[in-house]
Every structure is written in structure tokens, then in C-alpha cells.
Amino acid sequence: MLAHPPDPQNAILGIDLGTTYCAVAVVDGQGNPIVLANEEGEQITPSVIHFFERDACVVGTEALKMVVVDPVNVVRFIKRSMGEADYLLEFYGRAYSPQELSGIILRKLCQDASEVLGFAVKDTVITVPAYFDSAQRGATTEAARLAGLNVLSIINEPTAAALSYGKEQFDGSEQLLVFDLGGGTFDVTIMSLEEEEYRARASDGNAELGGKDWDDRLLNFVSDRFYDRFGLDPRDEPQPYQQLYEDCLAAKIALSTEEVTHVPVQFHGRRMTVQVTRRDFEALTQDLVDQCADTCALVLKKAGLTWKDLDVTLLVGGSTHMPMIRKMLRQLTGKENLIVTNPAESVAQGAALAAMLRHGSTERSTKPDPAIDVESRPQNPKRIVDITSHPLGVIALDSGHQECVVMLIPPETEVPCKKQGRFSYPYDHMKALRLEVTEGPGDRRDEVRVVAEVLIEDLPPHKRGTHLDVVYRYDINQILTVDVVDVESQTTRGATVDLRGTIPTERKQEAIHQVRQAVLGSQHTLVP
């Protein structure tokens, strides 16, 4: 039990659903964000599941112990597959989606938190990487629903980390660069911290870059050395592969404090020890570090700032312990001082603080006003402002009747938001339209993802060229609602767009594009 437990009627869990580890926090009766220990007495819970029979599994440390013993029945890094519609893993004859597997983890987190508090809590604020797209955010919400939780809002992990930092160290007005490199995802966000408001200014990242990529490079290096000597590859079988992965992970951690380490390899009766120096490791992964540096520069440009404008660089995520990452950031920023958060606590604590600020009312609704100002203690802001990570648009026809993408919601738009574009009917007497919602930068269909199709029916029939407005409403969870307004009659038809599970299985890292501003107006007609 906590020394100062929160009021059961107002308790909200802040959950950091991480790729490798999770944490849960709550604001206690004295207004302090407290990380809640799990059933095993740990502050963090490994994001690992072990199935030992059909519909039976364990989560956390007990599951982590089985990664070498029974690797084919262990789930790890499932966060990287969130939102993939056709991604399934099968255990004992039953297939599971990433949402279902993440839901199993969330259920354990919630149950353990309720045990500590002494009462059940279902309301949550969950963090996601800032660069998660709509499908990934929707999948996270679905995972929570499957776990029996009520998601009040989704908050970006860098925003949560900034809240946690601000509560303890913020003084005055600061420009904060949050560098978040976890086990499986990577984000960079620039935030303006003011006494009344924490505002995200720009963000970018890669939901498929994280510490695991450094692990894999080291594993491949060691495996290749073993193969060169014996003609055998320990990556070919699950158990030896998993044992080698664990040993390479330990070696990566060791190289953060040591110049040299050794990785033992045993496969089919052959043994050897591979020496790895920090210099070797840095050379193997230089391109990954360069990706991080390029993203930092891009975000700075988006925010319209220079390196001299930044006051603080905040490091979030266990992978920021690597010396190569800190060296890169010191070179970029020109500042020696880097603020290091406790990755096991800061994001979950920030989520709990966000829950208090956005939803901390005895009269709260499950659909609160996202911009509501609530009274808080002086060291907490009264308003949290997040921004869109990806532009949203619609497929239309230009004046030459060729398909194009019209951007309605640019990136870095404050959420919640309402944006609209004016179009026209492409043919006479149309009564229905099929809207294709796009996500990502680009002017052509092949440059973006079509993430949803919306059928709008029962429109008033008009002549070709009659105006209509397409209205996008994007809420604080970055969930989209679409309305089509017939301008002449002011008839409105709308739909809420379910963007869960719309990412293709094989995603490629997007190229970094300059933001293109689409020209709206009646020169565009909608695709029939």
C-alpha cells in the first residue's frame, strides 16, 4: 500500500507500454507521481510473454527467464508490430494479434497496480512513441480495451518525459530537446516549457529503430566470426540464437563502461570466445547513430531553431546509455551537459501527471475537453499541447483529372484540430463518395499510405463542379473523424475513421521529405 494513496474515485494509471520494459505510475494523495511495483516487487516489468499451454501464459520476469529455455513460445518486442493488420503469432494452436499480446501485458500491469493500491483501477493514460502513426495509436487503444482498461487519452512519450523532468527541475522558460531511444523505437521532440504550458514544437523519429538494432548488429558480427572459423551459424536454431542474443545484449551493456568485452559462443559442440572492443561496436553501428543525428537536425529545422537556441537535452530510454549516443549529442548541441532521466520511471510518471492535468476532476468524463485548464500545483503546467506526427490528406483529382494527394492536416499541427478543404463533385448527379484517407508526406498516391476508406452516402445530387467541403477532426489521441458538407444545401454526412491495423506488414523506413503544402480549392475534385 502507498503511504498516501490516491482517492479511489479519481485514481488514473499512467502506463509506459515499452518495447522492452513497462512501468505504471499514479499521482498519490499528495500530488506526487509514484511508480507502482509489480507483483514481483520490481519497478519495471519486462515486456515479455511466455506461453506454456493453450491460453495460459506468464508475463514479465518469469517469462524473461524462458527466452533461452523455450524461445519458440516467448513473445518479445511486440510493440514493433503494433498496427500491422496481417501480423499474427501462433502458440499452442491459437493465433494472436499484436493488440491481443499487448493486451495481455497491460492486463498484468493493471492487476499488479490494483494490488498495490488496494482497489481496482481501470482508467488509464498510455504513452506511445511520438512518431507512432494512427494505426499504431489505434492498436494501442484496442490493446487496452482488450485488457479491460478505459483509455482516457494517449500521450506521446517525449511529452510525458518532459512533464516528469519539469516537475523536478524546470525553472523559468526553456527549449527542451527530448531524445528518446528505447529498446525498439526512436523519437526526437522539441518542446517549449513555460510556467503555464508545455508545448511540443516539432517531432520526428522511427518506430522501427531502437536498441534491438544495436543488439542485432553485434549478434551478426559475432555469428559471422563463428561461421568463418567453423562453417556453422548459431543463428540457424532458436535456442542457440536466443542464448547468443542474451550474451550479446550483456556485451552491449558492458561496452558502455568497458573498452573491451568478450562474447562466448557454443553451437553443435564447437566453442569460441569473440573479443569485441568499443571501437568495433561503434564502427558496426555508425550508420544507426547517423540516422539519429539526421533526425535531430530535421526536427530542429522543423522547429525553426538552431542548436544555440536549445537550453536542455533530455535523454530518455535505456539505449541512451551508450557512449556513442552521448558523444553524438554533445557534438551536435555543443553542450557537455545532458540531462539523463530514469528510463524505468520518468515516462510512466509523466503519464500519471498528464492524467492529473487532463482528467483530474471528480466530474471527469471519458471524453474530456483536451484543452481544459485545471488547477494544479505551481510547478505543474496548466496545459499540455501535443502535435500531429504525420500529415493526413485525401486522394483527389486535379484539373487534369489526374490523381493527387491534398494535405488537410499538416505535420506539427496542434491537436485537437479541425481542418477542411474545398472540393467539387467530379460527375453529375452523384449521391455517394468514397474518400481515401492518406497518411504521410507526398503529392502522389505511391508516396503516401492510404490508411482508410470512408463511404459517404445519401448526398444531395448536384451538377459536376458543385462545391463540397471535406472536414477532418483529429482528437488528442490522434483519432480521425471525417465529415463531408454539401456547400449548397449544408447537408453533412460523416464517419469516425477506424485506423487500427492499417499498416502493411513490410514497412520500409520513410525517406525524410520536406513538408509540402497542398493548395486547396475548387480546382480539386474528389475521386468518385
Protein backbone atom coordinates (compact mmCIF):
# COMPACT_ATOMS: atom_id res chain seq x y z
CA MET A 1 0.00 0.00 0.00
CA LEU A 2 1.13 3.55 -0.65
CA ALA A 3 1.79 5.91 2.24
CA HIS A 4 -0.60 8.44 0.68
CA PRO A 5 -2.88 6.55 -1.70
CA PRO A 6 -5.00 8.47 -4.20
CA ASP A 7 -8.76 8.77 -3.91
CA PRO A 8 -10.17 5.57 -5.48
CA GLN A 9 -12.79 7.65 -7.30
CA ASN A 10 -10.14 9.72 -9.09
CA ALA A 11 -7.18 7.36 -9.48
CA ILE A 12 -5.83 7.11 -13.03
CA LEU A 13 -2.91 4.92 -14.06
CA GLY A 14 -0.10 6.35 -16.17
CA ILE A 15 1.28 3.46 -18.23
CA ASP A 16 4.54 3.33 -20.16
CA LEU A 17 3.97 0.40 -22.52
CA GLY A 18 7.55 -0.05 -23.63
CA THR A 19 9.14 -2.29 -26.23
CA THR A 20 11.39 -4.00 -23.70
CA TYR A 21 10.07 -2.84 -20.31
CA CYS A 22 6.86 -1.32 -18.94
CA ALA A 23 6.10 0.80 -15.90
CA VAL A 24 2.97 2.05 -14.16
CA ALA A 25 2.60 5.20 -12.06
CA VAL A 26 -0.15 7.08 -10.25
CA VAL A 27 -0.39 10.50 -8.65
CA ASP A 28 -0.72 9.90 -4.91
CA GLY A 29 -2.81 11.78 -2.37
CA GLN A 30 -0.14 14.47 -2.04
CA GLY A 31 0.15 15.13 -5.78
CA ASN A 32 3.37 13.17 -6.36
CA PRO A 33 3.76 10.72 -9.27
CA ILE A 34 4.68 7.34 -7.80
CA VAL A 35 5.84 4.30 -9.77
CA LEU A 36 3.98 1.21 -8.57
CA ALA A 37 5.88 -2.02 -8.04
CA ASN A 38 4.64 -5.17 -9.77
CA GLU A 39 3.77 -8.47 -8.11
CA GLU A 40 7.46 -9.40 -8.05
CA GLY A 41 8.34 -6.17 -6.23
CA GLU A 42 10.02 -4.64 -9.30
CA GLN A 43 9.59 -1.07 -10.55
CA ILE A 44 9.62 -2.23 -14.17
CA THR A 45 8.05 -5.23 -15.89
CA PRO A 46 9.74 -6.87 -18.89
CA SER A 47 7.50 -6.71 -21.98
CA VAL A 48 7.81 -10.46 -22.40
CA ILE A 49 5.17 -13.21 -22.53
CA HIS A 50 5.76 -16.96 -22.22
CA PHE A 51 3.01 -19.36 -23.27
CA PHE A 52 3.24 -22.75 -21.55
CA GLU A 53 -0.04 -24.20 -22.82
CA ARG A 54 -3.06 -23.08 -24.83
CA ASP A 55 -4.47 -19.81 -23.42
CA ALA A 56 -2.06 -19.96 -20.48
CA CYS A 57 0.94 -17.68 -20.08
CA VAL A 58 3.09 -15.66 -17.70
CA VAL A 59 4.26 -12.07 -18.20
CA GLY A 60 7.36 -10.24 -17.04
CA THR A 61 10.43 -11.57 -15.26
CA GLU A 62 9.16 -15.16 -15.14
CA ALA A 63 8.63 -15.04 -18.90
CA LEU A 64 12.06 -13.48 -19.44
CA LYS A 65 13.65 -16.50 -17.75
CA MET A 66 12.24 -18.70 -20.53
CA VAL A 67 13.69 -16.87 -23.53
CA VAL A 68 16.58 -19.33 -23.81
CA VAL A 69 14.82 -22.42 -22.42
CA ASP A 70 11.73 -22.20 -24.65
CA PRO A 71 12.29 -19.42 -27.21
CA VAL A 72 9.60 -20.56 -29.68
CA ASN A 73 6.88 -19.86 -27.09
CA VAL A 74 8.18 -16.47 -25.97
CA VAL A 75 6.95 -13.09 -27.23
CA ARG A 76 9.31 -10.11 -27.20
CA PHE A 77 9.40 -6.72 -28.94
CA ILE A 78 5.73 -6.98 -29.92
CA LYS A 79 5.41 -3.19 -29.81
CA ARG A 80 7.28 -3.03 -33.12
CA SER A 81 4.40 -4.85 -34.81
CA MET A 82 1.56 -2.76 -33.39
CA GLY A 83 -0.88 -1.72 -36.10
CA GLU A 84 0.11 -4.40 -38.62
CA ALA A 85 -3.19 -5.83 -39.83
CA ASP A 86 -1.91 -9.21 -41.01
CA TYR A 87 0.70 -9.89 -38.33
CA LEU A 88 -0.11 -12.94 -36.19
CA LEU A 89 1.88 -15.17 -33.84
CA GLU A 90 0.66 -18.68 -33.01
CA PHE A 91 1.12 -20.51 -29.71
CA TYR A 92 -0.37 -23.92 -28.96
CA GLY A 93 -2.76 -23.73 -31.88
CA ARG A 94 -4.09 -20.23 -31.26
CA ALA A 95 -3.11 -17.14 -33.26
CA TYR A 96 -2.64 -13.77 -31.53
CA SER A 97 -2.51 -10.27 -32.99
CA PRO A 98 -0.10 -7.64 -31.60
CA GLN A 99 -3.09 -5.95 -29.94
CA GLU A 100 -4.05 -9.15 -28.13
CA LEU A 101 -0.48 -9.78 -26.97
CA SER A 102 -0.05 -6.20 -25.79
CA GLY A 103 -3.41 -6.53 -24.05
CA ILE A 104 -2.05 -9.49 -22.07
CA ILE A 105 0.85 -7.35 -20.88
CA LEU A 106 -1.45 -4.45 -19.99
CA ARG A 107 -3.75 -6.74 -18.03
CA LYS A 108 -0.86 -7.84 -15.80
CA LEU A 109 0.27 -4.24 -15.30
CA CYS A 110 -3.23 -3.18 -14.26
CA GLN A 111 -3.76 -6.15 -11.94
CA ASP A 112 -0.42 -5.59 -10.19
CA ALA A 113 -1.12 -1.86 -9.78
CA SER A 114 -4.54 -2.56 -8.30
CA GLU A 115 -2.95 -4.93 -5.77
CA VAL A 116 -0.55 -2.22 -4.61
CA LEU A 117 -3.29 0.41 -4.39
CA GLY A 118 -5.77 -1.87 -2.66
CA PHE A 119 -8.53 -1.13 -5.17
CA ALA A 120 -9.18 -1.72 -8.86
CA VAL A 121 -8.30 0.99 -11.37
CA LYS A 122 -9.45 0.86 -14.97
CA ASP A 123 -8.90 4.45 -16.17
CA THR A 124 -5.54 4.97 -17.85
CA VAL A 125 -3.36 7.35 -19.80
CA ILE A 126 -0.97 5.37 -22.01
CA THR A 127 2.18 6.63 -23.68
CA VAL A 128 3.26 5.89 -27.25
CA PRO A 129 6.27 6.98 -29.31
CA ALA A 130 5.70 10.43 -30.78
CA TYR A 131 6.24 9.03 -34.26
CA PHE A 132 3.57 6.32 -33.91
CA ASP A 133 1.06 6.76 -36.69
CA SER A 134 -2.71 6.50 -36.46
CA ALA A 135 -2.81 2.72 -36.93
CA GLN A 136 -0.27 2.16 -34.18
CA ARG A 137 -2.09 4.53 -31.82
CA GLY A 138 -5.39 2.87 -32.60
CA ALA A 139 -3.88 -0.55 -31.99
CA THR A 140 -2.58 0.60 -28.60
CA THR A 141 -6.06 1.79 -27.64
CA GLU A 142 -7.51 -1.53 -28.82
CA ALA A 143 -4.95 -3.45 -26.73
CA ALA A 144 -6.04 -1.54 -23.64
CA ARG A 145 -9.71 -2.23 -24.40
CA LEU A 146 -8.94 -5.95 -24.69
CA ALA A 147 -7.28 -5.72 -21.27
CA GLY A 148 -10.45 -4.25 -19.78
CA LEU A 149 -9.00 -0.75 -19.46
CA ASN A 150 -10.59 2.61 -20.21
CA VAL A 151 -8.12 4.82 -22.10
CA LEU A 152 -8.80 8.44 -21.25
CA SER A 153 -6.05 9.62 -23.59
CA ILE A 154 -2.88 8.69 -25.44
CA ILE A 155 0.16 10.89 -24.78
CA ASN A 156 3.48 10.98 -26.60
CA GLU A 157 6.41 9.53 -24.66
CA PRO A 158 8.65 12.61 -25.06
CA THR A 159 5.86 14.82 -23.75
CA ALA A 160 5.49 12.55 -20.74
CA ALA A 161 9.24 12.63 -20.13
CA ALA A 162 9.22 16.45 -20.31
CA LEU A 163 6.43 16.58 -17.74
CA SER A 164 8.41 14.38 -15.39
CA TYR A 165 11.54 16.49 -15.92
CA GLY A 166 9.65 19.74 -15.46
CA LYS A 167 8.16 18.71 -12.16
CA GLU A 168 11.60 18.24 -10.63
CA GLN A 169 13.98 20.60 -12.44
CA PHE A 170 12.17 23.11 -14.61
CA ASP A 171 12.73 26.75 -13.73
CA GLY A 172 11.58 29.58 -15.97
CA SER A 173 11.29 29.21 -19.74
CA GLU A 174 13.24 26.53 -21.61
CA GLN A 175 13.62 24.99 -25.05
CA LEU A 176 13.95 21.26 -24.47
CA LEU A 177 15.16 18.60 -26.91
CA VAL A 178 13.88 15.18 -25.83
CA PHE A 179 15.98 12.39 -27.31
CA ASP A 180 14.13 9.11 -26.72
CA LEU A 181 15.94 5.95 -27.82
CA GLY A 182 14.36 2.86 -26.30
CA GLY A 183 14.63 -0.82 -26.99
CA GLY A 184 12.59 -0.73 -30.18
CA THR A 185 11.55 2.82 -31.07
CA PHE A 186 13.21 6.21 -31.53
CA ASP A 187 11.81 9.74 -31.21
CA VAL A 188 13.14 13.27 -31.14
CA THR A 189 10.85 16.04 -29.95
CA ILE A 190 11.48 19.72 -29.25
CA MET A 191 9.30 21.22 -26.55
CA SER A 192 8.84 24.73 -25.22
CA LEU A 193 8.42 24.69 -21.46
CA GLU A 194 6.65 27.64 -19.92
CA GLU A 195 5.13 28.10 -16.49
CA GLU A 196 1.59 27.82 -17.87
CA GLU A 197 2.14 25.47 -20.80
CA TYR A 198 4.26 22.62 -22.14
CA ARG A 199 4.10 22.75 -25.94
CA ALA A 200 5.56 20.28 -28.45
CA ARG A 201 7.01 22.23 -31.38
CA ALA A 202 8.34 19.54 -33.71
CA SER A 203 8.82 15.81 -33.72
CA ASP A 204 10.18 13.01 -35.88
CA GLY A 205 11.54 9.54 -35.45
CA ASN A 206 11.47 5.92 -36.49
CA ALA A 207 9.13 3.40 -34.88
CA GLU A 208 11.44 0.62 -36.11
CA LEU A 209 14.76 1.84 -34.70
CA GLY A 210 15.93 1.07 -31.19
CA GLY A 211 18.41 -0.73 -29.00
CA LYS A 212 17.50 -4.06 -30.57
CA ASP A 213 19.10 -2.89 -33.81
CA TRP A 214 22.40 -2.38 -32.00
CA ASP A 215 21.97 -5.83 -30.41
CA ASP A 216 21.37 -7.40 -33.82
CA ARG A 217 24.48 -5.80 -35.32
CA LEU A 218 26.60 -7.21 -32.52
CA LEU A 219 24.97 -10.63 -32.80
CA ASN A 220 25.62 -10.75 -36.54
CA PHE A 221 29.24 -9.69 -36.03
CA VAL A 222 29.85 -12.47 -33.51
CA SER A 223 27.94 -15.06 -35.55
CA ASP A 224 29.94 -14.23 -38.66
CA ARG A 225 33.21 -14.72 -36.76
CA PHE A 226 31.99 -18.11 -35.55
CA TYR A 227 30.89 -19.10 -39.06
CA ASP A 228 34.21 -18.03 -40.57
CA ARG A 229 36.01 -20.39 -38.20
CA PHE A 230 33.68 -23.42 -38.08
CA GLY A 231 31.30 -23.10 -41.02
CA LEU A 232 28.36 -23.24 -38.61
CA ASP A 233 25.84 -20.49 -37.87
CA PRO A 234 24.27 -20.24 -34.37
CA ARG A 235 21.50 -18.08 -35.88
CA ASP A 236 20.07 -21.17 -37.61
CA GLU A 237 18.40 -22.63 -34.49
CA PRO A 238 16.13 -20.87 -32.00
CA GLN A 239 17.77 -21.90 -28.73
CA PRO A 240 21.40 -21.17 -29.63
CA TYR A 241 20.30 -17.96 -31.31
CA GLN A 242 18.47 -16.78 -28.19
CA GLN A 243 21.38 -17.65 -25.91
CA LEU A 244 23.73 -15.73 -28.17
CA TYR A 245 21.32 -12.78 -28.25
CA GLU A 246 21.30 -12.61 -24.44
CA ASP A 247 25.10 -12.77 -24.36
CA CYS A 248 25.38 -10.01 -26.98
CA LEU A 249 22.92 -7.87 -25.03
CA ALA A 250 25.11 -8.27 -21.94
CA ALA A 251 28.17 -7.38 -24.02
CA LYS A 252 26.49 -4.21 -25.34
CA ILE A 253 25.74 -3.12 -21.79
CA ALA A 254 29.31 -3.89 -20.72
CA LEU A 255 30.73 -1.77 -23.54
CA SER A 256 29.02 1.28 -22.07
CA THR A 257 31.55 1.20 -19.25
CA GLU A 258 34.36 -1.00 -20.59
CA GLU A 259 36.59 -0.69 -23.65
CA VAL A 260 36.71 -4.42 -24.34
CA THR A 261 34.39 -7.37 -23.67
CA HIS A 262 34.08 -10.99 -24.77
CA VAL A 263 31.12 -12.96 -26.10
CA PRO A 264 31.08 -16.75 -25.65
CA VAL A 265 29.60 -18.83 -28.49
CA GLN A 266 28.67 -22.52 -28.33
CA PHE A 267 26.98 -24.36 -31.17
CA HIS A 268 26.94 -28.05 -32.21
CA GLY A 269 29.83 -28.92 -29.92
CA ARG A 270 32.03 -26.07 -31.11
CA ARG A 271 33.12 -23.26 -28.80
CA MET A 272 34.89 -19.97 -29.17
CA THR A 273 35.06 -16.57 -27.49
CA VAL A 274 34.80 -13.46 -29.67
CA GLN A 275 36.51 -10.29 -28.47
CA VAL A 276 34.62 -7.07 -29.13
CA THR A 277 36.04 -3.62 -28.50
CA ARG A 278 34.01 -0.46 -28.08
CA ARG A 279 35.66 0.80 -31.27
CA ASP A 280 34.47 -2.32 -33.13
CA PHE A 281 30.93 -1.84 -31.85
CA GLU A 282 30.82 1.82 -32.77
CA ALA A 283 32.05 1.08 -36.29
CA LEU A 284 29.41 -1.63 -36.72
CA THR A 285 26.62 0.76 -35.78
CA GLN A 286 27.81 4.14 -37.07
CA ASP A 287 25.02 4.31 -39.63
CA LEU A 288 22.43 3.88 -36.85
CA VAL A 289 23.98 6.77 -34.95
CA ASP A 290 23.96 8.83 -38.14
CA GLN A 291 20.22 8.15 -38.53
CA CYS A 292 19.69 9.53 -35.03
CA ALA A 293 21.80 12.61 -35.77
CA ASP A 294 19.96 13.27 -39.06
CA THR A 295 16.61 13.08 -37.28
CA CYS A 296 17.80 15.55 -34.64
CA ALA A 297 18.81 18.02 -37.35
CA LEU A 298 15.49 17.56 -39.16
CA VAL A 299 13.46 18.22 -36.00
CA LEU A 300 15.50 21.31 -35.23
CA LYS A 301 14.79 22.62 -38.74
CA LYS A 302 11.07 21.87 -38.38
CA ALA A 303 11.01 23.85 -35.13
CA GLY A 304 12.79 26.80 -36.74
CA LEU A 305 15.57 26.73 -34.14
CA THR A 306 19.36 26.49 -34.05
CA TRP A 307 21.45 24.38 -31.70
CA LYS A 308 22.24 27.53 -29.70
CA ASP A 309 18.53 28.02 -29.03
CA LEU A 310 18.29 24.79 -27.05
CA ASP A 311 18.58 25.03 -23.28
CA VAL A 312 18.36 21.37 -22.28
CA THR A 313 18.90 17.99 -23.93
CA LEU A 314 16.88 15.34 -22.11
CA LEU A 315 17.85 11.69 -22.61
CA VAL A 316 15.10 9.09 -22.34
CA GLY A 317 15.33 5.34 -22.87
CA GLY A 318 17.88 2.74 -21.86
CA SER A 319 19.74 2.88 -25.18
CA THR A 320 20.90 6.44 -24.44
CA HIS A 321 23.41 4.92 -22.02
CA MET A 322 25.63 4.02 -24.97
CA PRO A 323 28.64 6.38 -25.07
CA MET A 324 28.38 6.75 -28.86
CA ILE A 325 24.91 8.32 -28.49
CA ARG A 326 26.03 10.80 -25.84
CA LYS A 327 29.11 11.71 -27.83
CA MET A 328 26.98 12.38 -30.91
CA LEU A 329 24.57 14.61 -28.96
CA ARG A 330 27.39 16.62 -27.36
CA GLN A 331 28.90 17.22 -30.80
CA LEU A 332 25.56 18.30 -32.25
CA THR A 333 24.43 20.56 -29.43
CA GLY A 334 27.84 21.94 -28.49
CA LYS A 335 26.90 21.39 -24.85
CA GLU A 336 28.51 18.97 -22.46
CA ASN A 337 25.59 18.82 -20.04
CA LEU A 338 22.99 16.20 -20.89
CA ILE A 339 20.08 15.57 -18.55
CA VAL A 340 19.56 11.83 -18.05
CA THR A 341 16.18 10.61 -16.84
CA ASN A 342 15.47 7.36 -15.06
CA PRO A 343 14.08 5.37 -18.00
CA ALA A 344 12.34 2.99 -15.62
CA GLU A 345 10.25 5.77 -14.15
CA SER A 346 10.15 9.09 -16.00
CA VAL A 347 7.75 8.26 -18.83
CA ALA A 348 5.24 6.50 -16.57
CA GLN A 349 5.44 9.34 -14.05
CA GLY A 350 4.84 11.85 -16.82
CA ALA A 351 1.82 9.87 -17.98
CA ALA A 352 0.42 9.98 -14.44
CA LEU A 353 0.97 13.75 -14.29
CA ALA A 354 -0.74 14.14 -17.68
CA ALA A 355 -3.66 12.14 -16.31
CA MET A 356 -3.97 14.53 -13.40
CA LEU A 357 -3.76 17.62 -15.61
CA ARG A 358 -6.12 16.46 -18.35
CA HIS A 359 -8.56 14.34 -16.41
CA GLY A 360 -8.06 15.10 -12.72
CA SER A 361 -11.63 16.01 -11.85
CA THR A 362 -14.22 14.25 -9.78
CA GLU A 363 -16.66 15.04 -12.58
CA ARG A 364 -14.39 13.81 -15.34
CA SER A 365 -15.81 12.27 -18.48
CA THR A 366 -14.30 9.53 -20.57
CA LYS A 367 -14.24 12.13 -23.35
CA PRO A 368 -12.81 15.20 -21.61
CA ASP A 369 -12.16 18.56 -23.18
CA PRO A 370 -8.49 18.11 -24.19
CA ALA A 371 -7.70 21.82 -23.82
CA ILE A 372 -9.33 22.25 -20.42
CA ASP A 373 -7.30 24.17 -17.90
CA VAL A 374 -7.30 22.51 -14.49
CA GLU A 375 -5.86 23.97 -11.34
CA SER A 376 -2.57 22.39 -10.39
CA ARG A 377 0.32 23.00 -8.11
CA PRO A 378 2.65 25.84 -9.18
CA GLN A 379 5.37 23.54 -10.52
CA ASN A 380 2.97 21.85 -12.94
CA PRO A 381 1.83 23.43 -16.21
CA LYS A 382 -1.86 24.08 -16.73
CA ARG A 383 -1.87 22.95 -20.34
CA ILE A 384 -0.14 20.25 -22.36
CA VAL A 385 -0.05 20.77 -26.12
CA ASP A 386 0.86 17.85 -28.40
CA ILE A 387 1.17 17.93 -32.16
CA THR A 388 0.48 15.62 -35.08
CA SER A 389 3.34 13.38 -36.11
CA HIS A 390 2.19 12.60 -39.64
CA PRO A 391 0.25 14.67 -42.18
CA LEU A 392 -3.23 13.50 -43.17
CA GLY A 393 -4.78 14.09 -46.57
CA VAL A 394 -7.23 12.80 -49.13
CA ILE A 395 -6.91 11.40 -52.64
CA ALA A 396 -8.42 13.84 -55.15
CA LEU A 397 -8.41 14.64 -58.85
CA ASP A 398 -6.61 17.73 -60.14
CA SER A 399 -7.74 19.96 -63.01
CA GLY A 400 -6.37 17.43 -65.49
CA HIS A 401 -8.37 14.66 -63.84
CA GLN A 402 -5.17 13.06 -62.53
CA GLU A 403 -4.95 11.62 -59.02
CA CYS A 404 -3.13 13.71 -56.42
CA VAL A 405 -2.92 13.96 -52.63
CA VAL A 406 -4.36 17.04 -50.95
CA MET A 407 -2.97 17.55 -47.47
CA LEU A 408 -5.62 18.62 -44.95
CA ILE A 409 -3.72 18.28 -41.67
CA PRO A 410 -0.01 19.18 -41.91
CA PRO A 411 2.55 17.67 -39.54
CA GLU A 412 3.28 19.62 -36.35
CA THR A 413 -0.37 20.72 -36.14
CA GLU A 414 -1.63 21.25 -32.60
CA VAL A 415 -4.15 18.62 -31.52
CA PRO A 416 -7.05 18.53 -31.17
CA CYS A 417 -7.63 20.24 -34.51
CA LYS A 418 -10.21 20.78 -37.21
CA LYS A 419 -9.10 21.29 -40.81
CA GLN A 420 -11.04 21.35 -44.05
CA GLY A 421 -10.59 21.64 -47.78
CA ARG A 422 -12.99 22.69 -50.51
CA PHE A 423 -13.50 20.33 -53.42
CA SER A 424 -16.15 19.75 -56.07
CA TYR A 425 -18.25 16.91 -57.40
CA PRO A 426 -16.43 15.17 -60.29
CA TYR A 427 -19.60 13.98 -62.07
CA ASP A 428 -23.23 14.96 -62.44
CA HIS A 429 -25.90 13.69 -60.04
CA MET A 430 -23.54 11.87 -57.66
CA LYS A 431 -25.11 10.64 -54.43
CA ALA A 432 -22.10 8.90 -52.87
CA LEU A 433 -18.35 9.36 -52.49
CA ARG A 434 -15.56 7.01 -51.49
CA LEU A 435 -12.97 9.03 -49.57
CA GLU A 436 -9.45 7.62 -49.29
CA VAL A 437 -7.67 8.97 -46.21
CA THR A 438 -3.91 9.27 -46.62
CA GLU A 439 -1.12 9.50 -44.08
CA GLY A 440 2.42 10.67 -44.69
CA PRO A 441 4.14 13.37 -46.78
CA GLY A 442 3.79 13.29 -50.54
CA ASP A 443 1.82 14.53 -53.53
CA ARG A 444 1.11 11.20 -55.23
CA ARG A 445 -0.62 8.00 -54.17
CA ASP A 446 2.62 6.00 -54.25
CA GLU A 447 4.29 8.46 -51.85
CA VAL A 448 1.73 8.08 -49.05
CA ARG A 449 -0.19 5.35 -47.23
CA VAL A 450 -3.92 5.04 -47.78
CA VAL A 451 -4.93 4.24 -44.23
CA ALA A 452 -8.71 4.19 -44.54
CA GLU A 453 -11.58 4.33 -46.96
CA VAL A 454 -14.78 6.14 -46.00
CA LEU A 455 -18.02 5.67 -47.93
CA ILE A 456 -20.19 8.78 -47.74
CA GLU A 457 -23.74 8.07 -48.96
CA ASP A 458 -27.08 9.90 -49.35
CA LEU A 459 -25.55 13.12 -50.61
CA PRO A 460 -27.83 15.54 -52.47
CA PRO A 461 -27.39 15.06 -56.25
CA HIS A 462 -25.80 18.07 -57.96
CA LYS A 463 -24.13 19.01 -61.18
CA ARG A 464 -20.44 18.41 -61.69
CA GLY A 465 -18.37 21.20 -60.12
CA THR A 466 -20.78 21.89 -57.23
CA HIS A 467 -18.69 22.61 -54.13
CA LEU A 468 -18.37 20.38 -51.10
CA ASP A 469 -16.13 20.59 -48.04
CA VAL A 470 -14.20 17.72 -46.50
CA VAL A 471 -13.69 18.30 -42.77
CA TYR A 472 -11.11 16.38 -40.70
CA ARG A 473 -11.36 16.45 -36.91
CA TYR A 474 -8.36 14.99 -35.10
CA ASP A 475 -8.60 14.44 -31.34
CA ILE A 476 -5.92 14.33 -28.65
CA ASN A 477 -5.45 10.61 -29.26
CA GLN A 478 -4.93 11.36 -32.97
CA ILE A 479 -8.13 9.54 -33.93
CA LEU A 480 -9.84 10.94 -37.01
CA THR A 481 -13.46 11.91 -37.72
CA VAL A 482 -14.44 12.83 -41.29
CA ASP A 483 -17.39 14.98 -42.39
CA VAL A 484 -18.44 15.85 -45.94
CA VAL A 485 -20.51 19.02 -46.22
CA ASP A 486 -22.58 19.76 -49.32
CA VAL A 487 -21.98 23.52 -49.54
CA GLU A 488 -25.17 24.36 -51.42
CA SER A 489 -27.59 22.59 -49.09
CA GLN A 490 -25.35 22.50 -46.00
CA THR A 491 -26.11 18.78 -45.70
CA THR A 492 -23.47 16.96 -43.64
CA ARG A 493 -22.55 13.30 -43.79
CA GLY A 494 -19.82 11.92 -41.57
CA ALA A 495 -17.99 8.91 -40.21
CA THR A 496 -15.45 8.10 -37.50
CA VAL A 497 -12.45 6.52 -39.14
CA ASP A 498 -11.05 3.38 -37.51
CA LEU A 499 -7.37 3.45 -38.39
CA ARG A 500 -6.40 0.36 -36.40
CA GLY A 501 -4.40 -2.26 -38.20
CA THR A 502 -3.85 -0.44 -41.48
CA ILE A 503 -0.07 -0.66 -41.82
CA PRO A 504 1.24 -3.22 -44.31
CA THR A 505 3.42 -5.94 -42.82
CA GLU A 506 6.51 -4.95 -44.78
CA ARG A 507 7.12 -1.31 -43.91
CA LYS A 508 10.15 0.50 -45.20
CA GLN A 509 11.76 3.40 -43.41
CA GLU A 510 10.30 6.54 -44.88
CA ALA A 511 12.65 8.94 -46.60
CA ILE A 512 12.89 12.34 -44.99
CA HIS A 513 10.72 14.68 -47.05
CA GLN A 514 10.42 18.41 -46.98
CA VAL A 515 6.88 19.25 -45.92
CA ARG A 516 4.80 20.06 -49.00
CA GLN A 517 1.91 22.49 -48.56
CA ALA A 518 -1.03 21.49 -50.76
CA VAL A 519 -3.07 24.23 -52.43
CA LEU A 520 -6.73 23.78 -51.55
CA GLY A 521 -9.71 24.98 -53.50
CA SER A 522 -12.28 24.07 -56.10
CA GLN A 523 -9.59 23.13 -58.64
CA HIS A 524 -9.61 19.72 -56.90
CA THR A 525 -12.44 17.26 -57.25
CA LEU A 526 -12.91 14.14 -55.18
CA VAL A 527 -12.42 10.66 -56.59
CA PRO A 528 -15.87 9.12 -57.20
